[in-house]
Amino acid sequence: MSDILDLGGRVALVTGAGQGVGRQVALQLADAKGSGGVVVNDYVLARAEAVAEEIRSAGGTALALQCDVSDHAAVKAMVEKAAAELGPVGARAPIPRRSWASRSGRPGPRSGTASSASTSMG
């Protein structure tokens, strides 16, 4: 039987990884067989750095990057920086940010209106 979490050396990018479900996904991907490392993304850099340090302390490879995933240019820059530091991103886990619009006071990235609906990169 094969290991369903064998990443085959791929680098994983987890958005919303600074807390909650995103944090747990990042930790699991960092610990998975064949992990090439994890890009820990969050809108708040301090949260991303804390999770990346947790991964490194456990012996994994992690890079913390701040990025607003509703900004296409910022996402592109984040992926380029990740590739330069860890290698090309081969897996991604977009974690929805349920209260994005309500926290930011800005319109939701897809609807054009402020709402508490879930959003993701994909």
N, C-alpha and C. Protein backbone atom coordinates (compact mmCIF):
# COMPACT_ATOMS: atom_id res chain seq x y z
N MET A 1 0.85 -1.18 0.00
CA MET A 1 0.00 0.00 0.00
C MET A 1 0.89 1.24 0.00
N SER A 2 0.53 2.22 -0.80
CA SER A 2 1.34 3.44 -0.86
C SER A 2 0.87 4.47 0.16
N ASP A 3 1.77 5.36 0.50
CA ASP A 3 1.48 6.42 1.45
C ASP A 3 0.75 7.54 0.70
N ILE A 4 -0.49 7.83 1.06
CA ILE A 4 -1.25 8.84 0.32
C ILE A 4 -0.73 10.25 0.56
N LEU A 5 0.11 10.44 1.58
CA LEU A 5 0.68 11.76 1.84
C LEU A 5 2.14 11.84 1.41
N ASP A 6 2.57 11.01 0.48
CA ASP A 6 3.94 11.11 -0.04
C ASP A 6 3.98 12.26 -1.04
N LEU A 7 4.69 13.31 -0.68
CA LEU A 7 4.75 14.51 -1.52
C LEU A 7 5.82 14.42 -2.61
N GLY A 8 6.61 13.38 -2.59
CA GLY A 8 7.59 13.19 -3.65
C GLY A 8 8.58 14.34 -3.79
N GLY A 9 8.92 14.99 -2.69
CA GLY A 9 9.87 16.09 -2.72
C GLY A 9 9.28 17.44 -3.11
N ARG A 10 7.97 17.49 -3.33
CA ARG A 10 7.34 18.75 -3.73
C ARG A 10 7.24 19.73 -2.57
N VAL A 11 7.35 21.01 -2.91
CA VAL A 11 7.15 22.10 -1.96
C VAL A 11 5.65 22.39 -1.92
N ALA A 12 5.11 22.53 -0.72
CA ALA A 12 3.68 22.83 -0.56
C ALA A 12 3.50 24.29 -0.15
N LEU A 13 2.51 24.93 -0.70
CA LEU A 13 2.13 26.29 -0.33
C LEU A 13 0.77 26.24 0.35
N VAL A 14 0.73 26.70 1.60
CA VAL A 14 -0.52 26.69 2.36
C VAL A 14 -0.89 28.14 2.65
N THR A 15 -2.00 28.60 2.09
CA THR A 15 -2.48 29.95 2.39
C THR A 15 -3.33 29.88 3.65
N GLY A 16 -3.35 30.97 4.40
CA GLY A 16 -4.10 31.00 5.65
C GLY A 16 -3.52 30.07 6.68
N ALA A 17 -2.20 29.87 6.64
CA ALA A 17 -1.55 28.86 7.47
C ALA A 17 -1.09 29.38 8.83
N GLY A 18 -1.42 30.60 9.16
CA GLY A 18 -0.95 31.18 10.42
C GLY A 18 -1.71 30.74 11.65
N GLN A 19 -2.83 30.08 11.46
CA GLN A 19 -3.64 29.66 12.62
C GLN A 19 -4.68 28.64 12.19
N GLY A 20 -5.31 28.02 13.15
CA GLY A 20 -6.44 27.13 12.90
C GLY A 20 -6.16 25.98 11.95
N VAL A 21 -7.10 25.75 11.05
CA VAL A 21 -7.01 24.64 10.10
C VAL A 21 -5.77 24.78 9.21
N GLY A 22 -5.50 25.99 8.75
CA GLY A 22 -4.33 26.21 7.90
C GLY A 22 -3.03 25.81 8.60
N ARG A 23 -2.92 26.14 9.87
CA ARG A 23 -1.74 25.76 10.66
C ARG A 23 -1.61 24.25 10.69
N GLN A 24 -2.71 23.56 10.98
CA GLN A 24 -2.67 22.10 11.05
C GLN A 24 -2.30 21.48 9.70
N VAL A 25 -2.83 22.03 8.62
CA VAL A 25 -2.49 21.52 7.28
C VAL A 25 -1.00 21.71 7.03
N ALA A 26 -0.46 22.89 7.35
CA ALA A 26 0.97 23.16 7.15
C ALA A 26 1.83 22.19 7.96
N LEU A 27 1.45 21.95 9.21
CA LEU A 27 2.21 21.03 10.06
C LEU A 27 2.19 19.61 9.49
N GLN A 28 1.03 19.17 9.01
CA GLN A 28 0.92 17.82 8.45
C GLN A 28 1.72 17.69 7.16
N LEU A 29 1.67 18.70 6.30
CA LEU A 29 2.43 18.65 5.05
C LEU A 29 3.93 18.68 5.31
N ALA A 30 4.35 19.42 6.31
CA ALA A 30 5.77 19.47 6.66
C ALA A 30 6.27 18.11 7.16
N ASP A 31 5.38 17.37 7.82
CA ASP A 31 5.73 16.08 8.41
C ASP A 31 5.49 14.91 7.45
N ALA A 32 4.87 15.19 6.32
CA ALA A 32 4.51 14.12 5.38
C ALA A 32 5.76 13.52 4.73
N LYS A 33 5.65 12.27 4.35
CA LYS A 33 6.73 11.58 3.64
C LYS A 33 7.06 12.37 2.37
N GLY A 34 8.32 12.60 2.12
CA GLY A 34 8.75 13.26 0.89
C GLY A 34 8.49 14.74 0.83
N SER A 35 8.25 15.37 1.97
CA SER A 35 7.99 16.81 1.97
C SER A 35 9.22 17.57 1.49
N GLY A 36 9.03 18.46 0.54
CA GLY A 36 10.11 19.31 0.06
C GLY A 36 10.15 20.63 0.79
N GLY A 37 9.26 20.79 1.77
CA GLY A 37 9.17 22.02 2.54
C GLY A 37 7.79 22.62 2.39
N VAL A 38 7.51 23.58 3.26
CA VAL A 38 6.20 24.23 3.27
C VAL A 38 6.37 25.74 3.26
N VAL A 39 5.64 26.39 2.36
CA VAL A 39 5.53 27.84 2.37
C VAL A 39 4.32 28.15 3.24
N VAL A 40 4.57 28.81 4.36
CA VAL A 40 3.53 29.15 5.32
C VAL A 40 3.10 30.58 5.03
N ASN A 41 1.92 30.73 4.45
CA ASN A 41 1.41 32.05 4.10
C ASN A 41 0.31 32.47 5.06
N ASP A 42 0.35 33.74 5.43
CA ASP A 42 -0.75 34.33 6.18
C ASP A 42 -0.75 35.82 5.89
N TYR A 43 -1.89 36.45 6.06
CA TYR A 43 -2.00 37.90 5.89
C TYR A 43 -1.20 38.63 6.97
N VAL A 44 -1.04 37.98 8.13
CA VAL A 44 -0.27 38.54 9.25
C VAL A 44 1.05 37.78 9.32
N LEU A 45 2.16 38.46 9.01
CA LEU A 45 3.46 37.80 8.94
C LEU A 45 3.86 37.14 10.25
N ALA A 46 3.59 37.76 11.38
CA ALA A 46 3.98 37.18 12.68
C ALA A 46 3.36 35.79 12.87
N ARG A 47 2.13 35.60 12.43
CA ARG A 47 1.49 34.28 12.56
C ARG A 47 2.19 33.27 11.65
N ALA A 48 2.49 33.68 10.42
CA ALA A 48 3.19 32.77 9.50
C ALA A 48 4.56 32.40 10.03
N GLU A 49 5.27 33.38 10.58
CA GLU A 49 6.60 33.11 11.13
C GLU A 49 6.54 32.15 12.31
N ALA A 50 5.53 32.28 13.16
CA ALA A 50 5.40 31.39 14.31
C ALA A 50 5.19 29.94 13.87
N VAL A 51 4.36 29.73 12.85
CA VAL A 51 4.11 28.37 12.36
C VAL A 51 5.34 27.83 11.65
N ALA A 52 6.02 28.66 10.86
CA ALA A 52 7.23 28.22 10.18
C ALA A 52 8.30 27.82 11.19
N GLU A 53 8.42 28.57 12.27
CA GLU A 53 9.39 28.23 13.31
C GLU A 53 9.02 26.91 13.98
N GLU A 54 7.74 26.69 14.18
CA GLU A 54 7.27 25.42 14.76
C GLU A 54 7.68 24.25 13.86
N ILE A 55 7.55 24.43 12.56
CA ILE A 55 7.93 23.39 11.60
C ILE A 55 9.44 23.16 11.64
N ARG A 56 10.20 24.24 11.62
CA ARG A 56 11.67 24.11 11.64
C ARG A 56 12.14 23.47 12.95
N SER A 57 11.50 23.82 14.06
CA SER A 57 11.87 23.23 15.36
C SER A 57 11.64 21.72 15.39
N ALA A 58 10.70 21.26 14.59
CA ALA A 58 10.41 19.82 14.52
C ALA A 58 11.27 19.13 13.46
N GLY A 59 12.20 19.89 12.82
CA GLY A 59 13.10 19.30 11.84
C GLY A 59 12.67 19.47 10.40
N GLY A 60 11.59 20.21 10.15
CA GLY A 60 11.11 20.41 8.79
C GLY A 60 11.69 21.66 8.15
N THR A 61 11.32 21.87 6.91
CA THR A 61 11.75 23.03 6.14
C THR A 61 10.53 23.91 5.92
N ALA A 62 10.67 25.19 6.25
CA ALA A 62 9.53 26.10 6.09
C ALA A 62 10.00 27.50 5.79
N LEU A 63 9.17 28.21 5.05
CA LEU A 63 9.40 29.61 4.71
C LEU A 63 8.11 30.37 4.99
N ALA A 64 8.19 31.40 5.82
CA ALA A 64 7.03 32.22 6.14
C ALA A 64 6.97 33.39 5.17
N LEU A 65 5.81 33.59 4.54
CA LEU A 65 5.62 34.70 3.62
C LEU A 65 4.26 35.35 3.85
N GLN A 66 4.27 36.65 3.97
CA GLN A 66 3.03 37.42 4.09
C GLN A 66 2.52 37.73 2.69
N CYS A 67 1.22 37.62 2.51
CA CYS A 67 0.63 37.93 1.21
C CYS A 67 -0.88 38.03 1.36
N ASP A 68 -1.46 39.02 0.72
CA ASP A 68 -2.91 39.13 0.60
C ASP A 68 -3.28 38.35 -0.66
N VAL A 69 -3.90 37.19 -0.49
CA VAL A 69 -4.16 36.31 -1.64
C VAL A 69 -5.22 36.84 -2.59
N SER A 70 -5.85 37.95 -2.25
CA SER A 70 -6.79 38.56 -3.19
C SER A 70 -6.06 39.48 -4.17
N ASP A 71 -4.77 39.67 -4.00
CA ASP A 71 -3.94 40.52 -4.85
C ASP A 71 -3.09 39.63 -5.76
N HIS A 72 -3.49 39.53 -7.03
CA HIS A 72 -2.82 38.62 -7.97
C HIS A 72 -1.32 38.87 -8.07
N ALA A 73 -0.91 40.13 -8.15
CA ALA A 73 0.51 40.46 -8.25
C ALA A 73 1.27 40.01 -7.01
N ALA A 74 0.65 40.16 -5.84
CA ALA A 74 1.30 39.74 -4.60
C ALA A 74 1.43 38.22 -4.54
N VAL A 75 0.43 37.50 -5.02
CA VAL A 75 0.49 36.04 -5.05
C VAL A 75 1.60 35.59 -5.99
N LYS A 76 1.68 36.21 -7.15
CA LYS A 76 2.72 35.87 -8.12
C LYS A 76 4.11 36.09 -7.50
N ALA A 77 4.30 37.22 -6.82
CA ALA A 77 5.58 37.51 -6.17
C ALA A 77 5.88 36.50 -5.08
N MET A 78 4.85 36.09 -4.32
CA MET A 78 5.03 35.11 -3.26
C MET A 78 5.49 33.78 -3.85
N VAL A 79 4.87 33.33 -4.91
CA VAL A 79 5.23 32.05 -5.53
C VAL A 79 6.65 32.12 -6.09
N GLU A 80 7.01 33.25 -6.68
CA GLU A 80 8.37 33.41 -7.21
C GLU A 80 9.41 33.38 -6.09
N LYS A 81 9.12 34.05 -4.96
CA LYS A 81 10.05 34.04 -3.83
C LYS A 81 10.17 32.63 -3.25
N ALA A 82 9.04 31.94 -3.15
CA ALA A 82 9.06 30.56 -2.65
C ALA A 82 9.93 29.68 -3.54
N ALA A 83 9.76 29.82 -4.85
CA ALA A 83 10.54 29.01 -5.79
C ALA A 83 12.04 29.32 -5.68
N ALA A 84 12.37 30.59 -5.49
CA ALA A 84 13.77 30.98 -5.36
C ALA A 84 14.41 30.41 -4.10
N GLU A 85 13.63 30.32 -3.02
CA GLU A 85 14.18 29.89 -1.74
C GLU A 85 14.06 28.39 -1.47
N LEU A 86 12.95 27.77 -1.91
CA LEU A 86 12.72 26.35 -1.61
C LEU A 86 12.64 25.46 -2.84
N GLY A 87 12.39 26.06 -3.98
CA GLY A 87 12.15 25.30 -5.20
C GLY A 87 10.72 25.53 -5.65
N PRO A 88 10.38 25.09 -6.85
CA PRO A 88 9.03 25.34 -7.37
C PRO A 88 7.94 24.73 -6.50
N VAL A 89 6.84 25.43 -6.38
CA VAL A 89 5.70 24.94 -5.61
C VAL A 89 5.01 23.86 -6.41
N GLY A 90 4.89 22.67 -5.80
CA GLY A 90 4.28 21.55 -6.48
C GLY A 90 2.96 21.11 -5.90
N ALA A 91 2.60 21.69 -4.76
CA ALA A 91 1.32 21.37 -4.12
C ALA A 91 0.83 22.63 -3.43
N ARG A 92 -0.47 22.83 -3.44
CA ARG A 92 -1.01 23.99 -2.73
C ARG A 92 -2.25 23.60 -1.97
N ALA A 93 -2.44 24.28 -0.85
CA ALA A 93 -3.60 24.05 -0.01
C ALA A 93 -4.18 25.42 0.35
N PRO A 94 -5.13 25.89 -0.47
CA PRO A 94 -5.75 27.18 -0.17
C PRO A 94 -6.79 27.03 0.94
N ILE A 95 -6.53 27.65 2.06
CA ILE A 95 -7.45 27.57 3.19
C ILE A 95 -8.35 28.81 3.16
N PRO A 96 -9.66 28.62 3.05
CA PRO A 96 -10.57 29.78 2.99
C PRO A 96 -10.48 30.64 4.24
N ARG A 97 -10.64 31.92 4.05
CA ARG A 97 -10.67 32.86 5.17
C ARG A 97 -12.10 33.37 5.30
N ARG A 98 -12.88 32.71 6.11
CA ARG A 98 -14.32 32.98 6.22
C ARG A 98 -14.64 34.44 6.51
N SER A 99 -13.89 35.05 7.39
CA SER A 99 -14.25 36.41 7.77
C SER A 99 -13.35 37.47 7.15
N TRP A 100 -12.76 37.16 5.99
CA TRP A 100 -11.84 38.09 5.34
C TRP A 100 -12.45 39.47 5.16
N ALA A 101 -13.60 39.54 4.53
CA ALA A 101 -14.20 40.84 4.23
C ALA A 101 -14.62 41.58 5.49
N SER A 102 -15.16 40.85 6.45
CA SER A 102 -15.63 41.53 7.65
C SER A 102 -14.47 42.07 8.49
N ARG A 103 -13.32 41.39 8.47
CA ARG A 103 -12.16 41.88 9.21
C ARG A 103 -11.50 43.05 8.50
N SER A 104 -11.45 43.01 7.18
CA SER A 104 -10.70 44.01 6.45
C SER A 104 -11.52 45.27 6.18
N GLY A 105 -12.84 45.13 6.18
CA GLY A 105 -13.68 46.26 5.83
C GLY A 105 -13.69 46.53 4.33
N ARG A 106 -13.03 45.64 3.57
CA ARG A 106 -12.96 45.80 2.12
C ARG A 106 -13.91 44.82 1.46
N PRO A 107 -14.25 45.06 0.19
CA PRO A 107 -15.10 44.11 -0.52
C PRO A 107 -14.43 42.75 -0.62
N GLY A 108 -15.24 41.70 -0.67
CA GLY A 108 -14.70 40.37 -0.87
C GLY A 108 -13.99 40.28 -2.20
N PRO A 109 -12.97 39.42 -2.33
CA PRO A 109 -12.14 39.39 -3.53
C PRO A 109 -12.86 38.91 -4.78
N ARG A 110 -13.97 38.21 -4.66
CA ARG A 110 -14.64 37.71 -5.86
C ARG A 110 -16.00 38.34 -6.08
N SER A 111 -16.68 38.66 -5.02
CA SER A 111 -18.05 39.12 -5.18
C SER A 111 -18.15 40.61 -5.45
N GLY A 112 -17.12 41.36 -5.03
CA GLY A 112 -17.18 42.81 -5.18
C GLY A 112 -17.97 43.48 -4.08
N THR A 113 -18.50 42.68 -3.15
CA THR A 113 -19.23 43.24 -2.02
C THR A 113 -18.70 42.66 -0.73
N ALA A 114 -18.79 43.41 0.33
CA ALA A 114 -18.34 42.90 1.63
C ALA A 114 -19.32 41.85 2.09
N SER A 115 -18.78 40.70 2.49
CA SER A 115 -19.62 39.63 3.02
C SER A 115 -18.76 38.72 3.87
N SER A 116 -19.39 37.80 4.55
CA SER A 116 -18.61 36.85 5.36
C SER A 116 -18.53 35.50 4.67
N ALA A 117 -18.78 35.46 3.38
CA ALA A 117 -18.71 34.20 2.65
C ALA A 117 -17.28 33.72 2.54
N SER A 118 -17.10 32.41 2.46
CA SER A 118 -15.77 31.83 2.33
C SER A 118 -15.17 32.19 0.98
N THR A 119 -13.86 32.41 0.99
CA THR A 119 -13.13 32.65 -0.26
C THR A 119 -11.87 31.81 -0.24
N SER A 120 -11.32 31.53 -1.43
CA SER A 120 -10.06 30.80 -1.52
C SER A 120 -9.37 31.20 -2.80
N MET A 121 -8.14 30.70 -2.96
CA MET A 121 -7.36 31.01 -4.16
C MET A 121 -7.88 30.30 -5.38
N GLY A 122 -8.55 29.19 -5.23
CA GLY A 122 -8.84 28.34 -6.37
C GLY A 122 -10.19 28.54 -6.84
